[in-house]
Amino acid sequence: MQLKQKQLGGRKFRRQHSIGNYIVDFYCPEEKLAVELDGEDHFWAEGLHYDKKRTLHLNNLGITIIRFENKWVFEDINYVLSEIGKHFQKKNNKQKLEVFAYCKPHF
């Protein structure tokens, strides 16, 4: 993937990175940015509840979470990379702690 070897904006991402009791799909320590790729399990009530609890914990640590459905990595990787790049912060700026759920419109 294009997150390897600082290919995206010169930022280093770690894959399957452990933060406390949680593991995030991709994590950029420089940005305190976690990227989650969500499959079907995340769209049921139990998965949504778990994700909300987990996100609140990570936000409290100053980590921003952005989410994508798994399929967008395969269907439009340029879109995914562009959205990730939009969340890079300049040093000394405040981090955003919102949760982003990206869904491309179906036409």
Protein backbone atom coordinates (compact mmCIF):
# COMPACT_ATOMS: atom_id res chain seq x y z
CA MET A 1 0.00 0.00 0.00
CA GLN A 2 1.06 3.60 -0.52
CA LEU A 3 1.41 4.22 3.22
CA LYS A 4 4.64 2.22 3.26
CA GLN A 5 8.07 3.80 3.31
CA LYS A 6 6.86 7.38 3.79
CA GLN A 7 5.24 7.47 0.35
CA LEU A 8 2.36 9.68 1.49
CA GLY A 9 3.52 13.18 2.36
CA GLY A 10 6.75 11.84 3.84
CA ARG A 11 4.82 10.50 6.85
CA LYS A 12 5.65 7.16 8.41
CA PHE A 13 2.70 4.86 9.08
CA ARG A 14 2.83 1.76 11.24
CA ARG A 15 0.59 -1.15 10.31
CA GLN A 16 -1.45 -2.96 13.00
CA HIS A 17 -0.14 -0.63 15.69
CA SER A 18 -0.99 -1.28 19.32
CA ILE A 19 -2.19 1.65 21.44
CA GLY A 20 -3.05 0.53 24.95
CA ASN A 21 -5.60 -2.29 24.67
CA TYR A 22 -6.45 -1.44 21.06
CA ILE A 23 -4.88 -2.12 17.69
CA VAL A 24 -5.36 0.36 14.86
CA ASP A 25 -4.99 -0.60 11.21
CA PHE A 26 -2.51 2.19 10.39
CA TYR A 27 -0.97 4.79 12.69
CA CYS A 28 1.15 7.86 11.98
CA PRO A 29 2.86 8.87 15.25
CA GLU A 30 4.05 12.22 13.86
CA GLU A 31 0.45 13.22 13.16
CA LYS A 32 -1.23 11.22 15.94
CA LEU A 33 -3.47 9.98 13.15
CA ALA A 34 -5.05 6.52 12.96
CA VAL A 35 -6.60 5.16 9.77
CA GLU A 36 -9.17 2.41 10.15
CA LEU A 37 -10.40 0.21 7.31
CA ASP A 38 -13.80 -1.14 8.29
CA GLY A 39 -15.51 -4.27 7.05
CA GLU A 40 -19.06 -5.51 7.62
CA ASP A 41 -18.58 -6.25 11.34
CA HIS A 42 -18.30 -2.53 12.01
CA PHE A 43 -21.75 -1.73 10.62
CA TRP A 44 -23.79 -3.73 13.14
CA ALA A 45 -24.96 -2.30 16.48
CA GLU A 46 -22.33 -4.22 18.46
CA GLY A 47 -19.51 -3.12 16.17
CA LEU A 48 -20.68 0.49 16.16
CA HIS A 49 -20.85 0.52 19.97
CA TYR A 50 -17.35 -0.95 20.27
CA ASP A 51 -15.95 1.52 17.71
CA LYS A 52 -17.51 4.46 19.56
CA LYS A 53 -16.00 3.39 22.89
CA ARG A 54 -12.63 2.76 21.28
CA THR A 55 -12.66 6.07 19.41
CA LEU A 56 -13.47 8.05 22.55
CA HIS A 57 -10.53 6.43 24.32
CA LEU A 58 -8.13 7.15 21.45
CA ASN A 59 -9.43 10.73 21.07
CA ASN A 60 -8.72 11.26 24.77
CA LEU A 61 -5.12 10.36 23.99
CA GLY A 62 -5.07 13.08 21.31
CA ILE A 63 -5.35 10.66 18.41
CA THR A 64 -7.53 11.51 15.41
CA ILE A 65 -9.35 8.57 13.82
CA ILE A 66 -10.44 8.47 10.19
CA ARG A 67 -12.41 5.56 8.79
CA PHE A 68 -13.00 4.07 5.38
CA GLU A 69 -14.94 1.09 4.20
CA ASN A 70 -12.52 -1.62 3.08
CA LYS A 71 -13.86 -1.55 -0.44
CA TRP A 72 -12.62 2.01 -1.09
CA VAL A 73 -9.03 0.85 -0.82
CA PHE A 74 -9.65 -1.43 -3.79
CA GLU A 75 -12.14 0.70 -5.71
CA ASP A 76 -10.59 4.18 -5.37
CA ILE A 77 -7.24 4.24 -3.58
CA ASN A 78 -6.51 7.77 -4.82
CA TYR A 79 -9.62 9.03 -3.01
CA VAL A 80 -8.54 7.30 0.22
CA LEU A 81 -5.00 8.69 0.03
CA SER A 82 -6.27 12.17 -0.73
CA GLU A 83 -8.58 12.10 2.29
CA ILE A 84 -5.78 10.87 4.56
CA GLY A 85 -3.49 13.64 3.30
CA LYS A 86 -6.12 16.26 4.15
CA HIS A 87 -5.69 15.36 7.81
CA PHE A 88 -1.98 16.05 8.01
CA GLN A 89 -1.38 18.86 10.46
CA LYS A 90 1.38 21.41 10.44
CA LYS A 91 3.45 21.20 13.59
CA ASN A 92 2.17 23.35 16.46
CA ASN A 93 -1.43 23.28 15.16
CA LYS A 94 -4.14 21.76 17.32
CA GLN A 95 -5.15 18.24 16.41
CA LYS A 96 -8.69 17.57 15.31
CA LEU A 97 -10.31 14.81 17.32
CA GLU A 98 -13.40 14.18 15.25
CA VAL A 99 -14.32 10.81 13.90
CA PHE A 100 -14.66 10.77 10.15
CA ALA A 101 -16.76 8.19 8.37
CA TYR A 102 -16.26 8.47 4.64
CA CYS A 103 -18.69 6.96 2.22
CA LYS A 104 -18.60 7.79 -1.42
CA PRO A 105 -22.01 8.33 -2.98
CA HIS A 106 -23.39 5.43 -4.97
CA PHE A 107 -24.55 6.45 -8.44
